[in-house]
C-alpha atoms as a PDB file:
ATOM      1  CA  MET A   1      92.503 -79.380  57.078  1.00  0.00           C
ATOM      2  CA  ALA A   2      91.752 -80.836  60.471  1.00  0.00           C
ATOM      3  CA  SER A   3      89.957 -84.170  60.704  1.00  0.00           C
ATOM      4  CA  ILE A   4      87.672 -83.292  63.606  1.00  0.00           C
ATOM      5  CA  PHE A   5      84.026 -83.033  62.576  1.00  0.00           C
ATOM      6  CA  GLU A   6      83.178 -79.822  64.378  1.00  0.00           C
ATOM      7  CA  ALA A   7      82.585 -76.233  63.288  1.00  0.00           C
ATOM      8  CA  ARG A   8      82.099 -73.413  65.769  1.00  0.00           C
ATOM      9  CA  ALA A   9      80.143 -70.333  64.691  1.00  0.00           C
ATOM     10  CA  LYS A  10      82.596 -67.949  66.379  1.00  0.00           C
ATOM     11  CA  PHE A  11      85.333 -69.178  64.024  1.00  0.00           C
ATOM     12  CA  PHE A  12      83.397 -68.845  60.745  1.00  0.00           C
ATOM     13  CA  PHE A  13      85.385 -67.041  58.059  1.00  0.00           C
ATOM     14  CA  ASN A  14      82.789 -64.450  57.064  1.00  0.00           C
ATOM     15  CA  THR A  15      83.273 -62.243  60.121  1.00  0.00           C
ATOM     16  CA  PRO A  16      85.259 -58.982  60.425  1.00  0.00           C
ATOM     17  CA  GLU A  17      87.102 -60.407  63.442  1.00  0.00           C
ATOM     18  CA  MET A  18      88.339 -63.401  61.444  1.00  0.00           C
ATOM     19  CA  MET A  19      89.434 -61.249  58.506  1.00  0.00           C
ATOM     20  CA  ALA A  20      91.400 -58.983  60.838  1.00  0.00           C
ATOM     21  CA  ARG A  21      92.980 -61.960  62.604  1.00  0.00           C
ATOM     22  CA  LEU A  22      94.136 -63.752  59.438  1.00  0.00           C
ATOM     23  CA  GLY A  23      94.952 -60.885  57.119  1.00  0.00           C
ATOM     24  CA  LYS A  24      93.821 -60.556  53.506  1.00  0.00           C
ATOM     25  CA  TRP A  25      96.035 -63.240  51.913  1.00  0.00           C
ATOM     26  CA  ARG A  26      95.597 -65.953  54.550  1.00  0.00           C
ATOM     27  CA  HIS A  27      91.876 -65.260  54.766  1.00  0.00           C
ATOM     28  CA  LYS A  28      91.361 -65.667  51.009  1.00  0.00           C
ATOM     29  CA  THR A  29      93.616 -68.729  50.771  1.00  0.00           C
ATOM     30  CA  LEU A  30      91.949 -70.573  53.641  1.00  0.00           C
ATOM     31  CA  SER A  31      88.489 -69.514  52.481  1.00  0.00           C
ATOM     32  CA  ARG A  32      89.122 -70.909  49.002  1.00  0.00           C
ATOM     33  CA  THR A  33      90.460 -74.130  50.458  1.00  0.00           C
ATOM     34  CA  GLY A  34      87.557 -74.486  52.877  1.00  0.00           C
ATOM     35  CA  ALA A  35      84.925 -73.864  50.210  1.00  0.00           C
ATOM     36  CA  TYR A  36      86.529 -76.393  47.857  1.00  0.00           C
ATOM     37  CA  GLY A  37      86.969 -78.987  50.598  1.00  0.00           C
ATOM     38  CA  LEU A  38      83.386 -78.551  51.746  1.00  0.00           C
ATOM     39  CA  GLY A  39      82.197 -79.335  48.224  1.00  0.00           C
ATOM     40  CA  VAL A  40      84.280 -82.537  48.166  1.00  0.00           C
ATOM     41  CA  PHE A  41      83.065 -83.450  51.651  1.00  0.00           C
ATOM     42  CA  ARG A  42      79.399 -82.961  50.756  1.00  0.00           C
ATOM     43  CA  LYS A  43      79.694 -85.167  47.674  1.00  0.00           C
ATOM     44  CA  LEU A  44      81.129 -87.915  49.874  1.00  0.00           C
ATOM     45  CA  LEU A  45      78.273 -87.552  52.359  1.00  0.00           C
ATOM     46  CA  GLY A  46      75.774 -88.844  49.859  1.00  0.00           C
ATOM     47  CA  ARG A  47      74.543 -89.073  46.323  1.00  0.00           C
ATOM     48  CA  HIS A  48      71.166 -87.775  45.219  1.00  0.00           C
ATOM     49  CA  GLN A  49      68.239 -90.103  45.810  1.00  0.00           C
ATOM     50  CA  LEU A  50      66.917 -92.123  42.924  1.00  0.00           C
ATOM     51  CA  LYS A  51      63.208 -92.161  42.260  1.00  0.00           C
ATOM     52  CA  LYS A  52      62.237 -95.684  43.285  1.00  0.00           C
ATOM     53  CA  LYS A  53      60.046 -97.667  40.899  1.00  0.00           C
ATOM     54  CA  ASP A  54      57.633-100.479  41.646  1.00  0.00           C
ATOM     55  CA  GLN A  55      59.283-103.887  41.346  1.00  0.00           C
ATOM     56  CA  LEU A  56      57.917-107.361  40.685  1.00  0.00           C
ATOM     57  CA  VAL A  57      59.421-110.270  42.555  1.00  0.00           C
ATOM     58  CA  THR A  58      58.503-113.965  42.392  1.00  0.00           C
ATOM     59  CA  PHE A  59      59.244-116.539  45.097  1.00  0.00           C
ATOM     60  CA  THR A  60      57.781-119.635  46.726  1.00  0.00           C
ATOM     61  CA  THR A  61      55.811-119.474  49.948  1.00  0.00           C
ATOM     62  CA  SER A  62      53.510-121.660  52.018  1.00  0.00           C
ATOM     63  CA  ARG A  63      49.705-121.572  51.793  1.00  0.00           C
ATOM     64  CA  LEU A  64      47.059-123.416  53.807  1.00  0.00           C
ATOM     65  CA  ILE A  65      44.842-125.042  51.173  1.00  0.00           C
ATOM     66  CA  LYS A  66      41.946-127.275  52.290  1.00  0.00           C
ATOM     67  CA  GLY A  67      43.579-127.711  55.652  1.00  0.00           C
ATOM     68  CA  GLN A  68      46.968-128.678  54.216  1.00  0.00           C
ATOM     69  CA  SER A  69      50.151-126.609  53.941  1.00  0.00           C
ATOM     70  CA  ARG A  70      51.286-126.364  50.349  1.00  0.00           C
ATOM     71  CA  THR A  71      54.095-124.585  48.555  1.00  0.00           C
ATOM     72  CA  VAL A  72      52.931-122.101  45.941  1.00  0.00           C
ATOM     73  CA  GLN A  73      54.597-119.543  43.688  1.00  0.00           C
ATOM     74  CA  LEU A  74      53.784-115.941  44.512  1.00  0.00           C
ATOM     75  CA  THR A  75      54.419-112.848  42.396  1.00  0.00           C
ATOM     76  CA  CYS A  76      54.335-109.584  44.347  1.00  0.00           C
ATOM     77  CA  ARG A  77      54.452-105.936  43.399  1.00  0.00           C
ATOM     78  CA  VAL A  78      56.702-103.998  45.789  1.00  0.00           C
ATOM     79  CA  PRO A  79      55.872-100.257  45.558  1.00  0.00           C
ATOM     80  CA  GLY A  80      58.801 -97.860  45.300  1.00  0.00           C
ATOM     81  CA  ASP A  81      57.056 -95.423  47.636  1.00  0.00           C
ATOM     82  CA  GLY A  82      57.048 -97.910  50.523  1.00  0.00           C
ATOM     83  CA  GLY A  83      53.342 -98.763  50.260  1.00  0.00           C
ATOM     84  CA  ALA A  84      51.720-102.145  50.830  1.00  0.00           C
ATOM     85  CA  VAL A  85      53.073-105.158  48.954  1.00  0.00           C
ATOM     86  CA  ILE A  86      50.401-106.482  46.578  1.00  0.00           C
ATOM     87  CA  ASP A  87      49.736-109.957  45.181  1.00  0.00           C
ATOM     88  CA  GLU A  88      50.008-109.361  41.420  1.00  0.00           C
ATOM     89  CA  ARG A  89      47.390-112.030  40.619  1.00  0.00           C
ATOM     90  CA  THR A  90      44.666-111.082  43.106  1.00  0.00           C
ATOM     91  CA  GLY A  91      45.441-107.374  43.630  1.00  0.00           C
ATOM     92  CA  ARG A  92      45.235-107.849  47.404  1.00  0.00           C
ATOM     93  CA  LYS A  93      47.734-107.155  50.154  1.00  0.00           C
ATOM     94  CA  VAL A  94      49.966-110.086  51.042  1.00  0.00           C
ATOM     95  CA  SER A  95      50.699-111.278  54.574  1.00  0.00           C
ATOM     96  CA  ILE A  96      53.317-109.557  56.694  1.00  0.00           C
ATOM     97  CA  ALA A  97      55.658-112.557  56.321  1.00  0.00           C
ATOM     98  CA  ASP A  98      55.319-112.556  52.524  1.00  0.00           C
ATOM     99  CA  ALA A  99      55.747-108.763  52.378  1.00  0.00           C
ATOM    100  CA  MET A 100      58.981-108.975  54.384  1.00  0.00           C
ATOM    101  CA  GLN A 101      60.282-111.709  52.086  1.00  0.00           C
ATOM    102  CA  ALA A 102      59.344-109.706  48.976  1.00  0.00           C
ATOM    103  CA  ARG A 103      61.099-106.568  50.263  1.00  0.00           C
ATOM    104  CA  ALA A 104      64.164-108.580  51.260  1.00  0.00           C
ATOM    105  CA  ARG A 105      64.384-110.060  47.771  1.00  0.00           C
ATOM    106  CA  THR A 106      64.129-106.670  46.069  1.00  0.00           C
ATOM    107  CA  SER A 107      66.876-105.401  48.359  1.00  0.00           C
ATOM    108  CA  ASN A 108      69.089-108.358  47.431  1.00  0.00           C
ATOM    109  CA  GLN A 109      68.680-107.507  43.735  1.00  0.00           C
ATOM    110  CA  HIS A 110      70.495-104.207  44.337  1.00  0.00           C
ATOM    111  CA  ARG A 111      73.012-105.445  46.900  1.00  0.00           C
ATOM    112  CA  GLY A 112      76.567-104.558  45.965  1.00  0.00           C
ATOM    113  CA  LYS A 113      75.630-102.104  43.187  1.00  0.00           C
ATOM    114  CA  GLY A 114      76.621 -99.130  45.328  1.00  0.00           C
ATOM    115  CA  GLU A 115      79.725-100.708  46.813  1.00  0.00           C
ATOM    116  CA  GLY A 116      82.591 -98.237  47.018  1.00  0.00           C
ATOM    117  CA  LYS A 117      80.278 -95.294  46.348  1.00  0.00           C
ATOM    118  CA  PRO A 118      78.806 -92.752  48.781  1.00  0.00           C
ATOM    119  CA  PRO A 119      75.405 -93.659  50.274  1.00  0.00           C
ATOM    120  CA  ARG A 120      72.184 -92.195  48.943  1.00  0.00           C
ATOM    121  CA  MET A 121      71.004 -89.068  50.753  1.00  0.00           C
ATOM    122  CA  GLY A 122      67.789 -89.136  52.756  1.00  0.00           C
ATOM    123  CA  PRO A 123      64.873 -86.869  51.791  1.00  0.00           C
ATOM    124  CA  THR A 124      65.871 -84.152  54.302  1.00  0.00           C
ATOM    125  CA  ARG A 125      69.570 -84.080  53.235  1.00  0.00           C
ATOM    126  CA  LYS A 126      70.204 -83.020  56.831  1.00  0.00           C
ATOM    127  CA  LEU A 127      73.882 -83.901  57.167  1.00  0.00           C
ATOM    128  CA  ARG A 128      74.709 -82.221  53.864  1.00  0.00           C
ATOM    129  CA  ASN A 129      72.764 -79.071  54.750  1.00  0.00           C
ATOM    130  CA  ILE A 130      74.361 -78.572  58.169  1.00  0.00           C
ATOM    131  CA  SER A 131      77.946 -79.262  57.114  1.00  0.00           C
ATOM    132  CA  ALA A 132      80.277 -76.265  57.058  1.00  0.00           C
ATOM    133  CA  PHE A 133      83.908 -75.149  57.204  1.00  0.00           C
ATOM    134  CA  SER A 134      85.511 -72.845  59.744  1.00  0.00           C
ATOM    135  CA  PHE A 135      88.828 -71.736  61.204  1.00  0.00           C
ATOM    136  CA  ASP A 136      90.574 -74.139  63.575  1.00  0.00           C
ATOM    137  CA  PRO A 137      92.514 -72.098  66.184  1.00  0.00           C
ATOM    138  CA  ALA A 138      94.450 -75.169  67.323  1.00  0.00           C
ATOM    139  CA  THR A 139      96.124 -75.673  63.936  1.00  0.00           C
ATOM    140  CA  GLU A 140      95.619 -72.201  62.404  1.00  0.00           C
ATOM    141  CA  GLY A 141      93.988 -74.030  59.490  1.00  0.00           C
ATOM    142  CA  VAL A 142      90.615 -75.106  58.168  1.00  0.00           C
ATOM    143  CA  VAL A 143      88.249 -77.603  59.759  1.00  0.00           C
ATOM    144  CA  ILE A 144      85.450 -79.092  57.683  1.00  0.00           C
ATOM    145  CA  GLY A 145      82.624 -81.130  59.125  1.00  0.00           C
ATOM    146  CA  ILE A 146      79.107 -81.393  60.477  1.00  0.00           C
ATOM    147  CA  ILE A 147      77.749 -78.848  62.935  1.00  0.00           C
ATOM    148  CA  PRO A 148      76.589 -80.665  66.114  1.00  0.00           C
ATOM    149  CA  PHE A 149      72.841 -81.278  66.241  1.00  0.00           C
ATOM    150  CA  THR A 150      70.738 -79.020  68.429  1.00  0.00           C
ATOM    151  CA  LYS A 151      68.656 -82.062  69.367  1.00  0.00           C
ATOM    152  CA  GLN A 152      70.477 -85.370  69.261  1.00  0.00           C
ATOM    153  CA  PRO A 153      68.385 -88.556  68.866  1.00  0.00           C
ATOM    154  CA  ALA A 154      69.040 -91.369  71.314  1.00  0.00           C
ATOM    155  CA  MET A 155      71.642 -93.803  70.021  1.00  0.00           C
ATOM    156  CA  ALA A 156      72.751 -97.206  71.194  1.00  0.00           C
ATOM    157  CA  GLY A 157      76.397 -97.427  70.145  1.00  0.00           C
ATOM    158  CA  THR A 158      77.754 -93.873  70.229  1.00  0.00           C
ATOM    159  CA  VAL A 159      77.112 -90.357  71.504  1.00  0.00           C
ATOM    160  CA  SER A 160      76.039 -88.575  68.323  1.00  0.00           C
ATOM    161  CA  VAL A 161      75.667 -88.955  64.563  1.00  0.00           C
ATOM    162  CA  PRO A 162      78.663 -86.669  63.782  1.00  0.00           C
ATOM    163  CA  GLU A 163      80.848 -88.664  66.183  1.00  0.00           C
ATOM    164  CA  LEU A 164      79.752 -91.936  64.593  1.00  0.00           C
ATOM    165  CA  LEU A 165      80.600 -90.622  61.125  1.00  0.00           C
ATOM    166  CA  ASP A 166      83.964 -89.318  62.313  1.00  0.00           C
ATOM    167  CA  VAL A 167      85.454 -92.043  64.492  1.00  0.00           C
ATOM    168  CA  GLY A 168      83.337 -94.963  63.257  1.00  0.00           C
ATOM    169  CA  GLY A 169      81.792 -97.703  65.356  1.00  0.00           C
ATOM    170  CA  THR A 170      78.672 -99.844  65.520  1.00  0.00           C
ATOM    171  CA  GLU A 171      75.112 -98.574  65.717  1.00  0.00           C
ATOM    172  CA  ILE A 172      71.766-100.393  65.934  1.00  0.00           C
ATOM    173  CA  ILE A 173      69.361 -99.446  63.132  1.00  0.00           C
ATOM    174  CA  ASP A 174      65.890-100.578  62.077  1.00  0.00           C
ATOM    175  CA  ALA A 175      65.696-102.664  58.910  1.00  0.00           C
ATOM    176  CA  LEU A 176      62.884-104.778  57.479  1.00  0.00           C
ATOM    177  CA  GLY A 177      60.898-104.511  60.675  1.00  0.00           C
ATOM    178  CA  GLY A 178      63.761-105.580  62.946  1.00  0.00           C
ATOM    179  CA  SER A 179      66.996-104.279  64.437  1.00  0.00           C
ATOM    180  CA  VAL A 180      70.423-104.955  62.951  1.00  0.00           C
ATOM    181  CA  ALA A 181      73.963-103.859  63.813  1.00  0.00           C
ATOM    182  CA  ALA A 182      75.451-101.488  61.225  1.00  0.00           C
ATOM    183  CA  HIS A 183      79.234-101.037  61.198  1.00  0.00           C
ATOM    184  CA  TYR A 184      80.781 -97.664  60.263  1.00  0.00           C
ATOM    185  CA  GLY A 185      84.416 -97.292  59.251  1.00  0.00           C
ATOM    186  CA  GLU A 186      86.799 -94.756  60.785  1.00  0.00           C
ATOM    187  CA  ARG A 187      86.687 -91.314  59.155  1.00  0.00           C
ATOM    188  CA  PRO A 188      84.971 -92.513  55.943  1.00  0.00           C
ATOM    189  CA  PHE A 189      84.442 -88.956  54.696  1.00  0.00           C
ATOM    190  CA  THR A 190      87.367 -86.974  56.108  1.00  0.00           C
ATOM    191  CA  ILE A 191      90.185 -89.173  54.816  1.00  0.00           C
ATOM    192  CA  PRO A 192      88.979 -89.308  51.165  1.00  0.00           C
ATOM    193  CA  ALA A 193      88.305 -85.550  51.226  1.00  0.00           C
ATOM    194  CA  PHE A 194      91.736 -84.628  52.585  1.00  0.00           C
ATOM    195  CA  GLY A 195      93.843 -85.438  49.499  1.00  0.00           C
ATOM    196  CA  PRO A 196      91.882 -83.393  46.926  1.00  0.00           C
ATOM    197  CA  THR A 197      91.514 -80.510  49.394  1.00  0.00           C
ATOM    198  CA  TRP A 198      95.238 -80.432  50.147  1.00  0.00           C
ATOM    199  CA  ASN A 199      96.014 -80.413  46.414  1.00  0.00           C
ATOM    200  CA  GLN A 200      93.645 -77.490  45.955  1.00  0.00           C
ATOM    201  CA  PHE A 201      95.355 -75.671  48.820  1.00  0.00           C
ATOM    202  CA  MET A 202      98.745 -76.070  47.125  1.00  0.00           C
ATOM    203  CA  ARG A 203      97.336 -74.913  43.769  1.00  0.00           C
ATOM    204  CA  SER A 204      95.830 -71.862  45.465  1.00  0.00           C
ATOM    205  CA  ILE A 205      99.192 -70.888  46.976  1.00  0.00           C
ATOM    206  CA  GLU A 206     100.908 -71.364  43.625  1.00  0.00           C
ATOM    207  CA  LYS A 207      98.317 -69.299  41.777  1.00  0.00           C
ATOM    208  CA  HIS A 208      98.048 -66.591  44.434  1.00  0.00           C
ATOM    209  CA  PRO A 209     101.470 -66.177  46.105  1.00  0.00           C
ATOM    210  CA  ALA A 210     101.696 -64.344  49.414  1.00  0.00           C
ATOM    211  CA  HIS A 211     103.629 -61.363  47.978  1.00  0.00           C
ATOM    212  CA  ARG A 212     100.746 -60.336  45.696  1.00  0.00           C
END
């Protein structure tokens, strides 16, 4: 399995030309391996989204009372759907500064819980849906990865999303109303997917020898 995140339509397995080029045994063996590896790869791309619930968070903030700045305790309801942050006592929207602090605190409550696990998928599941496997003419093997976007959004630290996910790097993303630098490791999906896929390839050869 190649580690380059690219799949070209002209090398997809389900074409008469590819079947004729590889022969029946090689075609079936590589197809099985590619399908299995693609499943492993897609699981690494992201877990299903959790339905977010409203959360209550309490913290201290400053209030101007009778012309004087005083510290008060504030309990906010942070909606799971991304709506306005509400003061639990008054039922009114809180200030932008208090809303940012409330959201930051709810984020901190979950920090580290997903460490070592794949990220959560976005609502469109775009990367998962456009991933595929195909024949790699350079290695006469299987390449599994993300099909290049037709329209690539502008990025600050790299050329494209597939390239960022393949070779790693740093990208600027929006978070809590500001911009932060997010660091991506090298080949975070390809390397973990390679071992199980290679093992499946060997099992396939053992179960379906070439002479059959």
